[in-house]
């Protein structure tokens, strides 16, 4: 039986305030659901390796570990890798370069690009599974 395609997002953010604001913003995006919110590198990696995640939104500085560590873990995957969006307050050229070299698909600044995130997720959902209402096996 076919059902509408749902883009499953793992949110990796150490600030409870930012995490809640992101969850609220993403609730408005059709066909997108935040499956979990974690604040540590190891927990993020565990969630990602369990599977079922289409997109990971990564802060660079976490309670324990970094978004870079999560990206490194994803590099070794031979199966389908989730899209990785860096979402940080540290929009420094060296961080952007390192993140992209480690396989990040997008690099967004929290202050400047917050409103772009829902649009970006809607676009990824369309690329991966079709527009809202499209069946996905």
N, C-alpha and C. Protein backbone atom coordinates (compact mmCIF):
# COMPACT_ATOMS: atom_id res chain seq x y z
N UNK A 1 0.83 -1.18 0.00
CA UNK A 1 0.00 0.00 0.00
C UNK A 1 0.88 1.25 0.00
N UNK A 2 0.59 2.19 -0.88
CA UNK A 2 1.35 3.42 -0.95
C UNK A 2 0.82 4.44 0.04
N UNK A 3 1.73 5.26 0.55
CA UNK A 3 1.33 6.33 1.44
C UNK A 3 2.12 7.57 1.05
N UNK A 4 1.66 8.76 1.46
CA UNK A 4 2.40 9.97 1.12
C UNK A 4 3.82 9.89 1.67
N UNK A 5 4.76 10.41 0.90
CA UNK A 5 6.17 10.40 1.30
C UNK A 5 6.39 11.40 2.43
N UNK A 6 6.98 10.95 3.51
CA UNK A 6 7.32 11.79 4.65
C UNK A 6 8.84 11.87 4.75
N UNK A 7 9.37 13.08 4.74
CA UNK A 7 10.80 13.31 4.91
C UNK A 7 11.10 13.28 6.40
N UNK A 8 11.94 12.32 6.81
CA UNK A 8 12.25 12.13 8.23
C UNK A 8 13.55 12.86 8.58
N UNK A 9 13.46 13.75 9.56
CA UNK A 9 14.57 14.63 9.91
C UNK A 9 15.07 14.32 11.32
N UNK A 10 16.38 14.23 11.45
CA UNK A 10 17.02 14.14 12.76
C UNK A 10 17.61 15.51 13.04
N UNK A 11 17.23 16.11 14.15
CA UNK A 11 17.71 17.42 14.56
C UNK A 11 18.79 17.24 15.62
N UNK A 12 19.98 17.74 15.33
CA UNK A 12 21.11 17.62 16.25
C UNK A 12 21.49 19.04 16.69
N UNK A 13 20.99 19.41 17.86
CA UNK A 13 21.09 20.79 18.35
C UNK A 13 21.21 20.78 19.87
N UNK A 14 22.19 21.53 20.40
CA UNK A 14 22.39 21.53 21.86
C UNK A 14 21.60 22.60 22.59
N UNK A 15 21.05 23.56 21.91
CA UNK A 15 20.26 24.60 22.57
C UNK A 15 18.79 24.20 22.57
N UNK A 16 18.20 23.98 23.76
CA UNK A 16 16.78 23.63 23.81
C UNK A 16 15.88 24.69 23.17
N UNK A 17 16.25 25.96 23.32
CA UNK A 17 15.44 27.05 22.75
C UNK A 17 15.47 26.98 21.22
N UNK A 18 16.66 26.83 20.65
CA UNK A 18 16.78 26.74 19.19
C UNK A 18 16.10 25.47 18.68
N UNK A 19 16.29 24.37 19.38
CA UNK A 19 15.67 23.11 18.96
C UNK A 19 14.15 23.24 18.91
N UNK A 20 13.56 23.85 19.93
CA UNK A 20 12.10 24.02 19.95
C UNK A 20 11.64 24.95 18.84
N UNK A 21 12.37 26.01 18.62
CA UNK A 21 12.02 26.93 17.52
C UNK A 21 12.08 26.22 16.17
N UNK A 22 13.10 25.40 15.98
CA UNK A 22 13.21 24.63 14.74
C UNK A 22 12.05 23.65 14.58
N UNK A 23 11.74 22.91 15.64
CA UNK A 23 10.63 21.96 15.57
C UNK A 23 9.33 22.67 15.21
N UNK A 24 9.08 23.82 15.83
CA UNK A 24 7.87 24.58 15.53
C UNK A 24 7.85 25.01 14.07
N UNK A 25 8.97 25.51 13.58
CA UNK A 25 9.06 25.96 12.19
C UNK A 25 8.85 24.81 11.21
N UNK A 26 9.41 23.65 11.54
CA UNK A 26 9.33 22.52 10.62
C UNK A 26 7.98 21.82 10.65
N UNK A 27 7.20 22.02 11.71
CA UNK A 27 5.83 21.47 11.75
C UNK A 27 4.98 22.03 10.63
N UNK A 28 5.35 23.20 10.16
CA UNK A 28 4.58 23.88 9.12
C UNK A 28 4.90 23.36 7.71
N UNK A 29 5.94 22.55 7.59
CA UNK A 29 6.36 22.07 6.27
C UNK A 29 5.65 20.75 5.97
N UNK A 30 4.83 20.76 4.93
CA UNK A 30 4.07 19.56 4.55
C UNK A 30 5.02 18.41 4.24
N UNK A 31 4.71 17.24 4.81
CA UNK A 31 5.48 16.04 4.50
C UNK A 31 6.83 15.94 5.18
N UNK A 32 7.07 16.77 6.21
CA UNK A 32 8.33 16.73 6.93
C UNK A 32 8.03 16.46 8.40
N UNK A 33 8.76 15.53 9.00
CA UNK A 33 8.59 15.26 10.42
C UNK A 33 9.96 15.15 11.08
N UNK A 34 10.09 15.75 12.26
CA UNK A 34 11.31 15.61 13.06
C UNK A 34 11.14 14.34 13.89
N UNK A 35 11.95 13.33 13.59
CA UNK A 35 11.82 12.04 14.26
C UNK A 35 12.46 12.04 15.64
N UNK A 36 13.51 12.85 15.82
CA UNK A 36 14.19 12.93 17.12
C UNK A 36 15.00 14.21 17.17
N UNK A 37 15.24 14.67 18.39
CA UNK A 37 16.13 15.79 18.63
C UNK A 37 17.16 15.32 19.64
N UNK A 38 18.43 15.43 19.29
CA UNK A 38 19.52 14.99 20.16
C UNK A 38 20.54 16.11 20.28
N UNK A 39 21.37 16.04 21.34
CA UNK A 39 22.33 17.12 21.57
C UNK A 39 23.78 16.65 21.70
N UNK A 40 24.02 15.38 21.35
CA UNK A 40 25.37 14.82 21.45
C UNK A 40 25.75 14.09 20.16
N UNK A 41 27.03 14.15 19.85
CA UNK A 41 27.54 13.49 18.65
C UNK A 41 27.24 11.99 18.66
N UNK A 42 27.53 11.32 19.76
CA UNK A 42 27.36 9.85 19.81
C UNK A 42 25.90 9.46 19.63
N UNK A 43 24.99 10.21 20.23
CA UNK A 43 23.57 9.90 20.10
C UNK A 43 23.09 10.15 18.68
N UNK A 44 23.61 11.19 18.06
CA UNK A 44 23.26 11.46 16.66
C UNK A 44 23.71 10.32 15.76
N UNK A 45 24.93 9.86 15.96
CA UNK A 45 25.47 8.77 15.14
C UNK A 45 24.65 7.49 15.34
N UNK A 46 24.31 7.18 16.60
CA UNK A 46 23.47 6.00 16.87
C UNK A 46 22.15 6.09 16.12
N UNK A 47 21.50 7.24 16.17
CA UNK A 47 20.22 7.43 15.48
C UNK A 47 20.38 7.27 13.98
N UNK A 48 21.44 7.83 13.43
CA UNK A 48 21.65 7.76 11.99
C UNK A 48 21.94 6.34 11.52
N UNK A 49 22.69 5.59 12.30
CA UNK A 49 23.04 4.23 11.89
C UNK A 49 21.90 3.24 12.10
N UNK A 50 20.88 3.61 12.87
CA UNK A 50 19.67 2.80 12.96
C UNK A 50 18.87 2.88 11.68
N UNK A 51 19.09 3.94 10.93
CA UNK A 51 18.40 4.11 9.65
C UNK A 51 17.10 4.87 9.80
N UNK A 52 16.44 5.07 8.67
CA UNK A 52 15.15 5.73 8.66
C UNK A 52 15.22 7.24 8.72
N UNK A 53 16.40 7.82 8.51
CA UNK A 53 16.56 9.27 8.53
C UNK A 53 16.90 9.72 7.11
N UNK A 54 16.16 10.72 6.63
CA UNK A 54 16.40 11.27 5.29
C UNK A 54 17.31 12.49 5.32
N UNK A 55 17.19 13.28 6.39
CA UNK A 55 17.96 14.53 6.51
C UNK A 55 18.42 14.67 7.95
N UNK A 56 19.67 15.10 8.12
CA UNK A 56 20.16 15.44 9.45
C UNK A 56 20.51 16.93 9.43
N UNK A 57 19.96 17.65 10.41
CA UNK A 57 20.27 19.07 10.59
C UNK A 57 21.24 19.13 11.76
N UNK A 58 22.46 19.61 11.49
CA UNK A 58 23.55 19.52 12.46
C UNK A 58 24.05 20.88 12.93
N UNK A 59 24.05 21.09 14.22
CA UNK A 59 24.80 22.19 14.81
C UNK A 59 26.26 21.73 14.85
N UNK A 60 27.19 22.65 14.79
CA UNK A 60 28.60 22.25 14.84
C UNK A 60 29.09 22.01 16.26
N UNK A 61 28.64 22.83 17.20
CA UNK A 61 29.08 22.69 18.59
C UNK A 61 27.96 22.05 19.40
N UNK A 62 28.24 20.86 19.94
CA UNK A 62 27.24 20.09 20.67
C UNK A 62 27.64 19.96 22.14
N UNK A 63 26.73 19.44 22.96
CA UNK A 63 27.06 19.22 24.37
C UNK A 63 28.27 18.31 24.52
N UNK A 64 28.30 17.26 23.74
CA UNK A 64 29.47 16.37 23.68
C UNK A 64 29.73 16.05 22.23
N UNK A 65 30.89 16.47 21.74
CA UNK A 65 31.24 16.22 20.36
C UNK A 65 30.89 17.38 19.46
N UNK A 66 30.96 17.12 18.15
CA UNK A 66 30.71 18.16 17.15
C UNK A 66 29.93 17.62 15.97
N UNK A 67 29.37 18.52 15.21
CA UNK A 67 28.75 18.15 13.95
C UNK A 67 29.77 17.58 12.98
N UNK A 68 31.01 18.02 13.07
CA UNK A 68 32.06 17.47 12.21
C UNK A 68 32.24 15.98 12.46
N UNK A 69 32.16 15.56 13.73
CA UNK A 69 32.28 14.14 14.06
C UNK A 69 31.15 13.33 13.45
N UNK A 70 29.95 13.91 13.44
CA UNK A 70 28.80 13.23 12.82
C UNK A 70 29.04 13.10 11.32
N UNK A 71 29.51 14.16 10.69
CA UNK A 71 29.81 14.10 9.25
C UNK A 71 30.86 13.04 8.95
N UNK A 72 31.89 12.96 9.78
CA UNK A 72 32.94 11.94 9.57
C UNK A 72 32.34 10.54 9.62
N UNK A 73 31.45 10.31 10.58
CA UNK A 73 30.82 8.99 10.71
C UNK A 73 29.98 8.67 9.47
N UNK A 74 29.32 9.68 8.93
CA UNK A 74 28.48 9.45 7.74
C UNK A 74 29.31 9.16 6.50
N UNK A 75 30.52 9.68 6.45
CA UNK A 75 31.38 9.46 5.27
C UNK A 75 31.64 7.99 5.02
N UNK A 76 31.71 7.20 6.08
CA UNK A 76 32.02 5.79 5.95
C UNK A 76 30.85 4.92 5.54
N UNK A 77 29.68 5.50 5.40
CA UNK A 77 28.49 4.69 5.07
C UNK A 77 28.50 4.30 3.60
N UNK A 78 28.19 3.04 3.35
CA UNK A 78 28.12 2.58 1.97
C UNK A 78 26.68 2.57 1.46
N UNK A 79 25.71 2.66 2.36
CA UNK A 79 24.31 2.68 1.94
C UNK A 79 23.89 4.12 1.64
N UNK A 80 22.63 4.33 1.44
CA UNK A 80 22.14 5.67 1.13
C UNK A 80 22.34 6.56 2.35
N UNK A 81 23.00 7.66 2.13
CA UNK A 81 23.33 8.59 3.21
C UNK A 81 22.29 9.70 3.28
N UNK A 82 21.87 10.08 4.49
CA UNK A 82 20.93 11.19 4.59
C UNK A 82 21.59 12.49 4.14
N UNK A 83 20.78 13.41 3.65
CA UNK A 83 21.28 14.75 3.34
C UNK A 83 21.72 15.39 4.66
N UNK A 84 22.82 16.12 4.62
CA UNK A 84 23.36 16.74 5.83
C UNK A 84 23.34 18.25 5.66
N UNK A 85 22.63 18.91 6.58
CA UNK A 85 22.54 20.37 6.58
C UNK A 85 23.22 20.88 7.85
N UNK A 86 24.30 21.64 7.69
CA UNK A 86 24.92 22.29 8.83
C UNK A 86 24.12 23.55 9.11
N UNK A 87 23.75 23.73 10.38
CA UNK A 87 22.95 24.87 10.81
C UNK A 87 23.62 25.43 12.06
N UNK A 88 24.39 26.51 11.89
CA UNK A 88 25.31 26.96 12.93
C UNK A 88 25.32 28.46 13.11
N UNK A 89 25.80 28.90 14.25
CA UNK A 89 26.08 30.31 14.50
C UNK A 89 27.49 30.68 14.05
N UNK A 90 28.27 29.69 13.65
CA UNK A 90 29.67 29.89 13.32
C UNK A 90 29.88 29.80 11.81
N UNK A 91 29.42 30.84 11.11
CA UNK A 91 29.55 30.87 9.65
C UNK A 91 30.93 31.41 9.27
N UNK A 92 31.93 30.61 9.58
CA UNK A 92 33.31 30.96 9.27
C UNK A 92 33.75 30.21 8.03
N UNK A 93 34.53 30.86 7.16
CA UNK A 93 34.96 30.18 5.93
C UNK A 93 35.65 28.84 6.18
N UNK A 94 36.46 28.75 7.22
CA UNK A 94 37.17 27.49 7.48
C UNK A 94 36.20 26.39 7.93
N UNK A 95 35.16 26.76 8.70
CA UNK A 95 34.15 25.78 9.10
C UNK A 95 33.33 25.33 7.90
N UNK A 96 32.95 26.29 7.06
CA UNK A 96 32.18 25.96 5.85
C UNK A 96 32.99 25.00 4.96
N UNK A 97 34.26 25.33 4.75
CA UNK A 97 35.11 24.49 3.91
C UNK A 97 35.25 23.08 4.49
N UNK A 98 35.50 22.99 5.80
CA UNK A 98 35.66 21.68 6.43
C UNK A 98 34.37 20.87 6.34
N UNK A 99 33.24 21.51 6.61
CA UNK A 99 31.96 20.80 6.56
C UNK A 99 31.68 20.27 5.15
N UNK A 100 31.91 21.09 4.16
CA UNK A 100 31.65 20.65 2.78
C UNK A 100 32.64 19.54 2.38
N UNK A 101 33.87 19.64 2.82
CA UNK A 101 34.86 18.59 2.53
C UNK A 101 34.47 17.27 3.18
N UNK A 102 33.78 17.33 4.32
CA UNK A 102 33.34 16.11 5.01
C UNK A 102 32.00 15.59 4.50
N UNK A 103 31.42 16.28 3.51
CA UNK A 103 30.21 15.76 2.89
C UNK A 103 28.92 16.48 3.22
N UNK A 104 28.98 17.64 3.88
CA UNK A 104 27.75 18.39 4.11
C UNK A 104 27.15 18.80 2.77
N UNK A 105 25.84 18.74 2.68
CA UNK A 105 25.16 19.13 1.46
C UNK A 105 24.82 20.62 1.45
N UNK A 106 24.61 21.19 2.63
CA UNK A 106 24.26 22.60 2.76
C UNK A 106 24.88 23.13 4.04
N UNK A 107 25.18 24.44 4.04
CA UNK A 107 25.76 25.10 5.21
C UNK A 107 24.98 26.39 5.42
N UNK A 108 24.21 26.46 6.52
CA UNK A 108 23.36 27.61 6.79
C UNK A 108 23.76 28.29 8.09
N UNK A 109 23.65 29.60 8.10
CA UNK A 109 23.88 30.41 9.28
C UNK A 109 22.55 30.57 10.03
N UNK A 110 22.53 30.27 11.33
CA UNK A 110 21.28 30.33 12.09
C UNK A 110 20.65 31.72 12.06
N UNK A 111 21.46 32.75 12.19
CA UNK A 111 20.92 34.11 12.24
C UNK A 111 20.41 34.57 10.88
N UNK A 112 21.13 34.28 9.85
CA UNK A 112 20.80 34.78 8.52
C UNK A 112 19.87 33.86 7.73
N UNK A 113 19.96 32.55 7.95
CA UNK A 113 19.28 31.59 7.07
C UNK A 113 18.14 30.81 7.73
N UNK A 114 17.72 31.21 8.93
CA UNK A 114 16.69 30.45 9.64
C UNK A 114 15.44 30.25 8.79
N UNK A 115 15.01 31.27 8.10
CA UNK A 115 13.79 31.19 7.30
C UNK A 115 13.96 30.35 6.04
N UNK A 116 15.20 30.11 5.63
CA UNK A 116 15.46 29.29 4.44
C UNK A 116 15.30 27.80 4.70
N UNK A 117 15.44 27.38 5.95
CA UNK A 117 15.45 25.96 6.27
C UNK A 117 14.17 25.23 5.86
N UNK A 118 12.98 25.74 6.19
CA UNK A 118 11.76 25.04 5.74
C UNK A 118 11.68 24.90 4.22
N UNK A 119 12.06 25.94 3.51
CA UNK A 119 12.04 25.89 2.04
C UNK A 119 13.02 24.85 1.52
N UNK A 120 14.19 24.79 2.12
CA UNK A 120 15.21 23.81 1.72
C UNK A 120 14.70 22.39 1.96
N UNK A 121 14.08 22.14 3.11
CA UNK A 121 13.55 20.80 3.39
C UNK A 121 12.42 20.43 2.43
N UNK A 122 11.57 21.38 2.10
CA UNK A 122 10.51 21.11 1.13
C UNK A 122 11.11 20.74 -0.22
N UNK A 123 12.18 21.41 -0.60
CA UNK A 123 12.87 21.11 -1.86
C UNK A 123 13.50 19.71 -1.83
N UNK A 124 14.14 19.35 -0.73
CA UNK A 124 14.74 18.02 -0.60
C UNK A 124 13.64 16.96 -0.66
N UNK A 125 12.52 17.22 0.00
CA UNK A 125 11.41 16.27 -0.02
C UNK A 125 10.91 16.05 -1.44
N UNK A 126 10.78 17.12 -2.19
CA UNK A 126 10.34 17.02 -3.58
C UNK A 126 11.34 16.21 -4.41
N UNK A 127 12.63 16.46 -4.22
CA UNK A 127 13.67 15.73 -4.96
C UNK A 127 13.66 14.24 -4.62
N UNK A 128 13.44 13.92 -3.37
CA UNK A 128 13.51 12.52 -2.94
C UNK A 128 12.23 11.73 -3.11
N UNK A 129 11.09 12.41 -2.96
CA UNK A 129 9.86 11.63 -2.95
C UNK A 129 8.69 12.22 -3.66
N UNK A 130 8.85 13.35 -4.30
CA UNK A 130 7.72 13.94 -4.99
C UNK A 130 7.07 15.04 -4.20
N UNK A 131 6.11 15.65 -4.82
CA UNK A 131 5.41 16.76 -4.19
C UNK A 131 4.38 16.24 -3.20
N UNK A 132 3.84 17.12 -2.33
CA UNK A 132 2.84 16.65 -1.37
C UNK A 132 1.70 15.91 -2.09
N UNK A 133 1.33 14.80 -1.50
CA UNK A 133 0.26 13.99 -2.10
C UNK A 133 0.78 12.90 -3.02
N UNK A 134 2.05 12.97 -3.39
CA UNK A 134 2.62 11.94 -4.26
C UNK A 134 2.85 10.68 -3.46
N UNK A 135 2.47 9.56 -4.02
CA UNK A 135 2.67 8.28 -3.34
C UNK A 135 4.11 7.86 -3.45
N UNK A 136 4.61 7.22 -2.41
CA UNK A 136 5.98 6.71 -2.37
C UNK A 136 5.92 5.30 -1.83
N UNK A 137 6.45 4.36 -2.58
CA UNK A 137 6.39 2.94 -2.16
C UNK A 137 7.34 2.66 -1.05
